Protein backbone atom coordinates (compact mmCIF):
# COMPACT_ATOMS: atom_id res chain seq x y z
CA MET A 1 131.70 135.26 74.98
CA PRO A 2 129.74 134.31 71.63
CA ALA A 3 125.84 133.58 72.83
CA GLU A 4 126.52 129.77 71.94
CA ASP A 5 129.12 129.29 74.64
CA THR A 6 127.21 130.81 77.56
CA THR A 7 125.04 128.05 79.42
CA GLY A 8 122.88 130.52 81.38
CA ILE A 9 124.15 129.12 84.79
CA HIS A 10 125.88 131.72 87.16
CA CYS A 11 128.42 129.81 89.76
CA ARG A 12 127.73 131.70 92.80
CA LEU A 13 131.02 130.34 94.39
CA ASP A 14 132.86 133.51 94.97
CA GLU A 15 130.22 135.24 96.84
CA LEU A 16 129.39 132.24 98.77
CA LEU A 17 133.53 131.93 99.89
CA GLU A 18 133.71 136.05 100.76
CA GLN A 19 130.38 135.09 103.01
CA ARG A 20 131.77 132.59 105.02
CA GLY A 21 135.23 133.81 105.02
CA ILE A 22 136.86 130.89 103.30
CA THR A 23 139.83 130.78 100.18
CA LEU A 24 139.61 128.84 97.12
CA THR A 25 142.72 127.16 98.23
CA GLU A 26 141.07 126.43 101.84
CA LEU A 27 138.13 125.13 99.73
CA SER A 28 139.94 123.00 97.80
CA ARG A 29 142.44 121.43 100.32
CA ARG A 30 139.03 120.34 102.55
CA VAL A 31 136.69 119.09 99.28
CA GLY A 32 139.22 117.43 97.65
CA VAL A 33 139.06 119.00 94.51
CA SER A 34 141.83 120.58 92.32
CA LEU A 35 142.02 124.53 92.85
CA VAL A 36 142.18 124.80 89.10
CA ASN A 37 138.91 122.88 88.84
CA LEU A 38 137.23 125.07 91.33
CA SER A 39 138.60 128.14 89.57
CA VAL A 40 137.05 127.15 86.39
CA LEU A 41 134.20 126.46 88.39
CA LYS A 42 134.16 129.88 90.01
CA ASN A 43 134.93 131.97 87.25
CA ASP A 44 132.20 130.48 85.26
CA ARG A 45 134.07 128.84 82.82
CA ALA A 46 133.03 125.02 83.75
CA LYS A 47 131.13 123.22 81.29
CA ALA A 48 130.17 120.48 83.45
CA ILE A 49 130.57 119.63 87.09
CA ARG A 50 130.44 116.16 88.80
CA PHE A 51 127.64 115.65 91.06
CA SER A 52 130.22 114.44 93.74
CA THR A 53 132.27 118.03 93.46
CA LEU A 54 128.91 119.98 93.55
CA SER A 55 127.71 117.88 96.90
CA ALA A 56 131.33 118.07 98.61
CA VAL A 57 131.17 121.81 97.75
CA CYS A 58 127.87 122.54 99.00
CA ARG A 59 128.16 120.42 101.83
CA GLU A 60 131.10 122.25 102.80
CA LEU A 61 129.65 125.78 102.28
CA ASP A 62 126.66 124.23 104.27
CA CYS A 63 124.75 125.66 101.48
CA GLU A 64 122.22 124.44 98.53
CA VAL A 65 122.48 123.51 95.06
CA GLY A 66 120.43 126.76 94.45
CA ASP A 67 122.17 128.74 96.58
CA LEU A 68 125.80 127.68 94.33
CA LEU A 69 123.97 127.61 90.77
CA VAL A 70 121.52 130.05 89.44
CA ALA A 71 119.98 131.11 86.34
CA ASP A 72 121.77 134.01 84.74
CA THR A 73 118.86 136.10 83.20
CA ALA A 74 121.57 138.41 81.26
CA ALA A 75 122.83 135.58 79.09
CA GLY A 76 119.05 134.78 77.71
C-alpha cells in the first residue's frame, strides 16, 4: 500500500473479537452495522468511521475508543 494511503491508525477489532469470543457476524447483528462495513474497519481499509458506529462497537465490546483504534507506529 502506498504511504499516502495509510492513515497511521490500526484497528484492533479482530483482537478484541477474539478476546471476547464474538464473531464479526455476531457483532454486526448486535450493533446493526453491515458485515461489509465492519470487515472494512477490521482489515484497516476504512477511510472514516461514524461516531455512532464507533460508539456502538465500543459499547458492545465493552472497550474504550483507544482500545479499538491505536496509532500504528510502523506507518509513520
